[in-house]
PDB file of N, CA and C in Angstrom:
ATOM      1  N   MET A   1      36.799 -10.492  25.676  1.00  0.00           N
ATOM      2  CA  MET A   1      36.200 -11.049  25.764  1.00  0.00           C
ATOM      3  C   MET A   1      35.176 -10.467  26.112  1.00  0.00           C
ATOM      4  N   LYS A   2      34.593 -10.041  27.615  1.00  0.00           N
ATOM      5  CA  LYS A   2      33.536  -8.851  27.784  1.00  0.00           C
ATOM      6  C   LYS A   2      33.377  -8.417  27.020  1.00  0.00           C
ATOM      7  N   PHE A   3      34.199  -7.481  26.018  1.00  0.00           N
ATOM      8  CA  PHE A   3      33.951  -6.124  25.485  1.00  0.00           C
ATOM      9  C   PHE A   3      33.330  -6.435  24.256  1.00  0.00           C
ATOM     10  N   GLU A   4      33.480  -7.703  23.368  1.00  0.00           N
ATOM     11  CA  GLU A   4      32.874  -8.259  22.531  1.00  0.00           C
ATOM     12  C   GLU A   4      31.566  -8.499  22.602  1.00  0.00           C
ATOM     13  N   THR A   5      31.621  -9.264  23.447  1.00  0.00           N
ATOM     14  CA  THR A   5      30.366  -9.808  23.560  1.00  0.00           C
ATOM     15  C   THR A   5      29.340  -8.218  24.368  1.00  0.00           C
ATOM     16  N   PHE A   6      29.553  -7.166  24.728  1.00  0.00           N
ATOM     17  CA  PHE A   6      28.836  -6.003  24.956  1.00  0.00           C
ATOM     18  C   PHE A   6      28.538  -6.176  23.923  1.00  0.00           C
ATOM     19  N   MET A   7      29.501  -5.637  22.939  1.00  0.00           N
ATOM     20  CA  MET A   7      29.262  -5.073  21.672  1.00  0.00           C
ATOM     21  C   MET A   7      28.422  -5.353  20.933  1.00  0.00           C
ATOM     22  N   LEU A   8      28.260  -6.851  20.876  1.00  0.00           N
ATOM     23  CA  LEU A   8      27.295  -7.776  20.338  1.00  0.00           C
ATOM     24  C   LEU A   8      25.915  -7.829  20.363  1.00  0.00           C
ATOM     25  N   ARG A   9      25.514  -7.480  21.599  1.00  0.00           N
ATOM     26  CA  ARG A   9      24.252  -7.200  22.465  1.00  0.00           C
ATOM     27  C   ARG A   9      24.097  -5.453  22.237  1.00  0.00           C
ATOM     28  N   THR A  10      24.519  -5.096  22.432  1.00  0.00           N
ATOM     29  CA  THR A  10      24.310  -3.541  22.060  1.00  0.00           C
ATOM     30  C   THR A  10      23.885  -3.266  20.613  1.00  0.00           C
ATOM     31  N   LEU A  11      24.775  -4.180  19.292  1.00  0.00           N
ATOM     32  CA  LEU A  11      24.707  -3.980  18.095  1.00  0.00           C
ATOM     33  C   LEU A  11      22.547  -4.717  17.906  1.00  0.00           C
ATOM     34  N   PHE A  12      22.880  -6.130  18.875  1.00  0.00           N
ATOM     35  CA  PHE A  12      21.258  -6.625  18.651  1.00  0.00           C
ATOM     36  C   PHE A  12      20.569  -5.696  19.270  1.00  0.00           C
ATOM     37  N   VAL A  13      20.423  -5.192  20.238  1.00  0.00           N
ATOM     38  CA  VAL A  13      19.712  -4.452  20.418  1.00  0.00           C
ATOM     39  C   VAL A  13      19.111  -3.074  19.253  1.00  0.00           C
ATOM     40  N   ALA A  14      20.441  -2.933  18.666  1.00  0.00           N
ATOM     41  CA  ALA A  14      20.090  -0.965  18.268  1.00  0.00           C
ATOM     42  C   ALA A  14      19.190  -2.145  17.196  1.00  0.00           C
ATOM     43  N   CYS A  15      19.702  -3.174  16.441  1.00  0.00           N
ATOM     44  CA  CYS A  15      19.059  -3.624  15.554  1.00  0.00           C
ATOM     45  C   CYS A  15      17.178  -3.625  15.710  1.00  0.00           C
ATOM     46  N   MET A  16      17.039  -4.951  16.518  1.00  0.00           N
ATOM     47  CA  MET A  16      16.026  -5.214  16.977  1.00  0.00           C
ATOM     48  C   MET A  16      15.113  -3.521  17.628  1.00  0.00           C
ATOM     49  N   ALA A  17      15.199  -1.993  17.964  1.00  0.00           N
ATOM     50  CA  ALA A  17      15.155  -1.013  18.114  1.00  0.00           C
ATOM     51  C   ALA A  17      14.593  -0.847  16.375  1.00  0.00           C
ATOM     52  N   VAL A  18      16.009  -0.757  15.405  1.00  0.00           N
ATOM     53  CA  VAL A  18      15.462  -0.044  14.421  1.00  0.00           C
ATOM     54  C   VAL A  18      14.362  -0.551  13.453  1.00  0.00           C
ATOM     55  N   CYS A  19      14.480  -2.063  14.473  1.00  0.00           N
ATOM     56  CA  CYS A  19      13.194  -2.922  12.582  1.00  0.00           C
ATOM     57  C   CYS A  19      12.320  -2.610  13.239  1.00  0.00           C
ATOM     58  N   SER A  20      12.203  -2.724  15.322  1.00  0.00           N
ATOM     59  CA  SER A  20      10.973  -1.992  15.395  1.00  0.00           C
ATOM     60  C   SER A  20       9.883  -0.389  15.035  1.00  0.00           C
ATOM     61  N   LEU A  21      10.842  -0.101  15.163  1.00  0.00           N
ATOM     62  CA  LEU A  21      10.720   1.623  15.093  1.00  0.00           C
ATOM     63  C   LEU A  21      10.183   1.553  12.985  1.00  0.00           C
ATOM     64  N   VAL A  22      10.298   0.430  12.505  1.00  0.00           N
ATOM     65  CA  VAL A  22       9.974   0.154  10.629  1.00  0.00           C
ATOM     66  C   VAL A  22       9.117  -0.535  10.824  1.00  0.00           C
ATOM     67  N   MET A  23       9.043  -1.484  11.647  1.00  0.00           N
ATOM     68  CA  MET A  23       7.860  -2.541  11.784  1.00  0.00           C
ATOM     69  C   MET A  23       6.137  -1.023  11.894  1.00  0.00           C
ATOM     70  N   GLY A  24       6.391  -0.443  12.992  1.00  0.00           N
ATOM     71  CA  GLY A  24       5.530   0.328  14.046  1.00  0.00           C
ATOM     72  C   GLY A  24       5.142   1.186  12.800  1.00  0.00           C
ATOM     73  N   ALA A  25       6.129   1.885  12.314  1.00  0.00           N
ATOM     74  CA  ALA A  25       6.298   2.535  11.078  1.00  0.00           C
ATOM     75  C   ALA A  25       5.178   2.057   9.819  1.00  0.00           C
ATOM     76  N   MET A  26       5.618   1.067   9.440  1.00  0.00           N
ATOM     77  CA  MET A  26       4.414   0.515   8.354  1.00  0.00           C
ATOM     78  C   MET A  26       2.864   0.252   9.044  1.00  0.00           C
ATOM     79  N   VAL A  27       3.160  -0.612   9.725  1.00  0.00           N
ATOM     80  CA  VAL A  27       1.794  -0.542  10.259  1.00  0.00           C
ATOM     81  C   VAL A  27       0.537   0.291  10.803  1.00  0.00           C
ATOM     82  N   THR A  28       1.401   1.162  11.642  1.00  0.00           N
ATOM     83  CA  THR A  28       0.705   2.418  11.917  1.00  0.00           C
ATOM     84  C   THR A  28       0.480   3.394  10.288  1.00  0.00           C
ATOM     85  N   ALA A  29       0.836   3.323   9.001  1.00  0.00           N
ATOM     86  CA  ALA A  29       1.335   4.752   7.880  1.00  0.00           C
ATOM     87  C   ALA A  29      -0.459   4.805   7.788  1.00  0.00           C
ATOM     88  N   THR A  30      -0.688   5.446   6.889  1.00  0.00           N
ATOM     89  CA  THR A  30      -2.272   5.237   6.373  1.00  0.00           C
ATOM     90  C   THR A  30      -1.906   6.299   4.898  1.00  0.00           C
ATOM     91  N   PRO A  31      -2.311   6.006   4.148  1.00  0.00           N
ATOM     92  CA  PRO A  31      -1.617   6.077   2.319  1.00  0.00           C
ATOM     93  C   PRO A  31      -3.184   7.667   2.185  1.00  0.00           C
ATOM     94  N   PRO A  32      -2.066   7.916   1.728  1.00  0.00           N
ATOM     95  CA  PRO A  32      -3.091   9.385   0.965  1.00  0.00           C
ATOM     96  C   PRO A  32      -4.384   8.847   0.670  1.00  0.00           C
ATOM     97  N   ALA A  33      -5.110   9.703   0.505  1.00  0.00           N
ATOM     98  CA  ALA A  33      -6.877   9.467   0.007  1.00  0.00           C
ATOM     99  C   ALA A  33      -5.822   9.778  -1.336  1.00  0.00           C
ATOM    100  N   VAL A  34      -6.550   9.054  -2.561  1.00  0.00           N
ATOM    101  CA  VAL A  34      -6.769   8.841  -3.852  1.00  0.00           C
ATOM    102  C   VAL A  34      -7.731   9.690  -4.383  1.00  0.00           C
ATOM    103  N   GLN A  35      -7.301  10.637  -5.771  1.00  0.00           N
ATOM    104  CA  GLN A  35      -8.764  10.500  -6.089  1.00  0.00           C
ATOM    105  C   GLN A  35      -9.192  10.632  -7.663  1.00  0.00           C
ATOM    106  N   LEU A  36      -9.698   9.707  -7.934  1.00  0.00           N
ATOM    107  CA  LEU A  36     -10.374   8.397  -8.956  1.00  0.00           C
ATOM    108  C   LEU A  36     -10.924   9.246 -10.095  1.00  0.00           C
ATOM    109  N   ALA A  37     -11.637  10.084  -9.071  1.00  0.00           N
ATOM    110  CA  ALA A  37     -12.494  11.589 -10.426  1.00  0.00           C
ATOM    111  C   ALA A  37     -12.081  12.850 -10.199  1.00  0.00           C
ATOM    112  N   SER A  38     -12.149  12.957 -11.546  1.00  0.00           N
ATOM    113  CA  SER A  38     -11.711  14.801 -11.385  1.00  0.00           C
ATOM    114  C   SER A  38     -12.257  15.822 -10.992  1.00  0.00           C
ATOM    115  N   SER A  39     -11.972  17.105 -10.214  1.00  0.00           N
ATOM    116  CA  SER A  39     -13.404  17.598 -10.288  1.00  0.00           C
ATOM    117  C   SER A  39     -13.880  18.285 -11.315  1.00  0.00           C
ATOM    118  N   ARG A  40     -13.557  17.730 -12.663  1.00  0.00           N
ATOM    119  CA  ARG A  40     -14.700  18.586 -13.734  1.00  0.00           C
ATOM    120  C   ARG A  40     -15.351  18.200 -14.366  1.00  0.00           C
ATOM    121  N   SER A  41     -16.433  18.353 -14.502  1.00  0.00           N
ATOM    122  CA  SER A  41     -17.970  18.437 -14.936  1.00  0.00           C
ATOM    123  C   SER A  41     -18.101  17.231 -15.943  1.00  0.00           C
ATOM    124  N   VAL A  42     -18.997  16.607 -16.145  1.00  0.00           N
ATOM    125  CA  VAL A  42     -19.230  16.000 -17.241  1.00  0.00           C
ATOM    126  C   VAL A  42     -19.306  16.219 -18.202  1.00  0.00           C
ATOM    127  N   SER A  43     -19.948  17.187 -18.832  1.00  0.00           N
ATOM    128  CA  SER A  43     -20.275  18.083 -20.034  1.00  0.00           C
ATOM    129  C   SER A  43     -18.436  18.245 -20.513  1.00  0.00           C
ATOM    130  N   SER A  44     -17.707  18.773 -19.656  1.00  0.00           N
ATOM    131  CA  SER A  44     -16.281  18.853 -20.132  1.00  0.00           C
ATOM    132  C   SER A  44     -15.632  17.946 -20.660  1.00  0.00           C
ATOM    133  N   ILE A  45     -15.675  16.993 -20.092  1.00  0.00           N
ATOM    134  CA  ILE A  45     -15.081  15.317 -20.713  1.00  0.00           C
ATOM    135  C   ILE A  45     -16.227  14.447 -21.984  1.00  0.00           C
ATOM    136  N   LEU A  46     -17.418  15.479 -21.494  1.00  0.00           N
ATOM    137  CA  LEU A  46     -17.575  14.911 -23.215  1.00  0.00           C
ATOM    138  C   LEU A  46     -16.906  14.763 -24.323  1.00  0.00           C
ATOM    139  N   PRO A  47     -16.414  15.923 -24.406  1.00  0.00           N
ATOM    140  CA  PRO A  47     -15.990  15.724 -25.707  1.00  0.00           C
ATOM    141  C   PRO A  47     -14.486  15.735 -26.579  1.00  0.00           C
ATOM    142  N   THR A  48     -13.884  15.750 -25.273  1.00  0.00           N
ATOM    143  CA  THR A  48     -13.014  14.286 -25.565  1.00  0.00           C
ATOM    144  C   THR A  48     -12.918  12.661 -25.589  1.00  0.00           C
ATOM    145  N   ALA A  49     -14.107  12.357 -24.772  1.00  0.00           N
ATOM    146  CA  ALA A  49     -14.226  11.041 -25.410  1.00  0.00           C
ATOM    147  C   ALA A  49     -14.274  11.187 -26.894  1.00  0.00           C
ATOM    148  N   PRO A  50     -13.606   9.382 -27.016  1.00  0.00           N
ATOM    149  CA  PRO A  50     -14.181   8.789 -28.562  1.00  0.00           C
ATOM    150  C   PRO A  50     -14.836   8.545 -28.778  1.00  0.00           C
ATOM    151  N   THR A  51     -15.667   8.791 -30.202  1.00  0.00           N
ATOM    152  CA  THR A  51     -17.003   8.866 -30.927  1.00  0.00           C
ATOM    153  C   THR A  51     -17.025   7.174 -31.024  1.00  0.00           C
ATOM    154  N   ALA A  52     -16.141   6.699 -31.263  1.00  0.00           N
ATOM    155  CA  ALA A  52     -15.980   5.168 -32.186  1.00  0.00           C
ATOM    156  C   ALA A  52     -15.185   4.909 -31.455  1.00  0.00           C
ATOM    157  N   CYS A  53     -15.169   3.187 -31.223  1.00  0.00           N
ATOM    158  CA  CYS A  53     -13.968   2.598 -31.104  1.00  0.00           C
ATOM    159  C   CYS A  53     -13.520   1.228 -32.735  1.00  0.00           C
ATOM    160  N   ALA A  54     -12.855   1.309 -33.434  1.00  0.00           N
ATOM    161  CA  ALA A  54     -12.219   1.417 -34.348  1.00  0.00           C
ATOM    162  C   ALA A  54     -12.188  -0.827 -33.679  1.00  0.00           C
ATOM    163  N   LEU A  55     -12.640  -1.372 -34.078  1.00  0.00           N
ATOM    164  CA  LEU A  55     -12.626  -3.274 -32.944  1.00  0.00           C
ATOM    165  C   LEU A  55     -12.266  -4.035 -34.361  1.00  0.00           C
ATOM    166  N   PRO A  56     -10.848  -4.480 -34.439  1.00  0.00           N
ATOM    167  CA  PRO A  56     -10.396  -5.172 -34.897  1.00  0.00           C
ATOM    168  C   PRO A  56     -11.005  -6.938 -35.119  1.00  0.00           C
ATOM    169  N   ALA A  57     -10.861  -7.450 -36.124  1.00  0.00           N
ATOM    170  CA  ALA A  57     -11.312  -8.956 -36.758  1.00  0.00           C
ATOM    171  C   ALA A  57     -12.348  -9.942 -35.671  1.00  0.00           C
ATOM    172  N   ASP A  58     -10.802  -9.475 -34.798  1.00  0.00           N
ATOM    173  CA  ASP A  58     -10.994 -10.784 -33.436  1.00  0.00           C
ATOM    174  C   ASP A  58     -11.536  -9.739 -32.039  1.00  0.00           C
ATOM    175  N   GLY A  59     -12.038  -8.210 -32.765  1.00  0.00           N
ATOM    176  CA  GLY A  59     -13.103  -8.261 -31.531  1.00  0.00           C
ATOM    177  C   GLY A  59     -12.025  -7.421 -29.777  1.00  0.00           C
ATOM    178  N   VAL A  60     -10.860  -8.442 -29.911  1.00  0.00           N
ATOM    179  CA  VAL A  60     -10.466  -7.958 -28.872  1.00  0.00           C
ATOM    180  C   VAL A  60     -10.010  -6.745 -28.086  1.00  0.00           C
ATOM    181  N   VAL A  61      -8.990  -5.792 -28.961  1.00  0.00           N
ATOM    182  CA  VAL A  61      -8.155  -5.216 -29.061  1.00  0.00           C
ATOM    183  C   VAL A  61      -9.155  -3.854 -29.194  1.00  0.00           C
ATOM    184  N   CYS A  62      -8.883  -3.056 -28.727  1.00  0.00           N
ATOM    185  CA  CYS A  62     -10.094  -1.676 -29.063  1.00  0.00           C
ATOM    186  C   CYS A  62      -9.028  -0.584 -29.376  1.00  0.00           C
ATOM    187  N   PRO A  63      -7.978  -0.448 -30.800  1.00  0.00           N
ATOM    188  CA  PRO A  63      -6.406   0.396 -30.817  1.00  0.00           C
ATOM    189  C   PRO A  63      -6.917   1.862 -30.356  1.00  0.00           C
ATOM    190  N   ARG A  64      -6.801   2.890 -30.529  1.00  0.00           N
ATOM    191  CA  ARG A  64      -5.902   3.847 -30.117  1.00  0.00           C
ATOM    192  C   ARG A  64      -6.164   4.842 -31.340  1.00  0.00           C
ATOM    193  N   LEU A  65      -6.604   5.325 -31.854  1.00  0.00           N
ATOM    194  CA  LEU A  65      -6.291   6.219 -33.173  1.00  0.00           C
ATOM    195  C   LEU A  65      -6.262   7.621 -32.774  1.00  0.00           C
ATOM    196  N   ASN A  66      -5.188   8.041 -33.779  1.00  0.00           N
ATOM    197  CA  ASN A  66      -5.053   9.685 -33.250  1.00  0.00           C
ATOM    198  C   ASN A  66      -5.876  10.142 -34.449  1.00  0.00           C
ATOM    199  N   GLY A  67      -6.022  10.834 -34.164  1.00  0.00           N
ATOM    200  CA  GLY A  67      -6.856  12.616 -34.865  1.00  0.00           C
ATOM    201  C   GLY A  67      -7.652  12.753 -34.409  1.00  0.00           C
TER     202      GLY A  67
END
């Protein structure tokens, strides 16, 4: 009976150590910086932008037109 109790206590300590390490990693992790804007200049982006949006009668959805 003492061996089983020792094994259960060891398992409990190991599980608590793993949980603590995972929780510590989640708390101290810093996400990488997100680049929202590209490094391209505005003059190179404007020719690819659509010139007009064809809105349907309901005016809610702006479908993307191929061409």
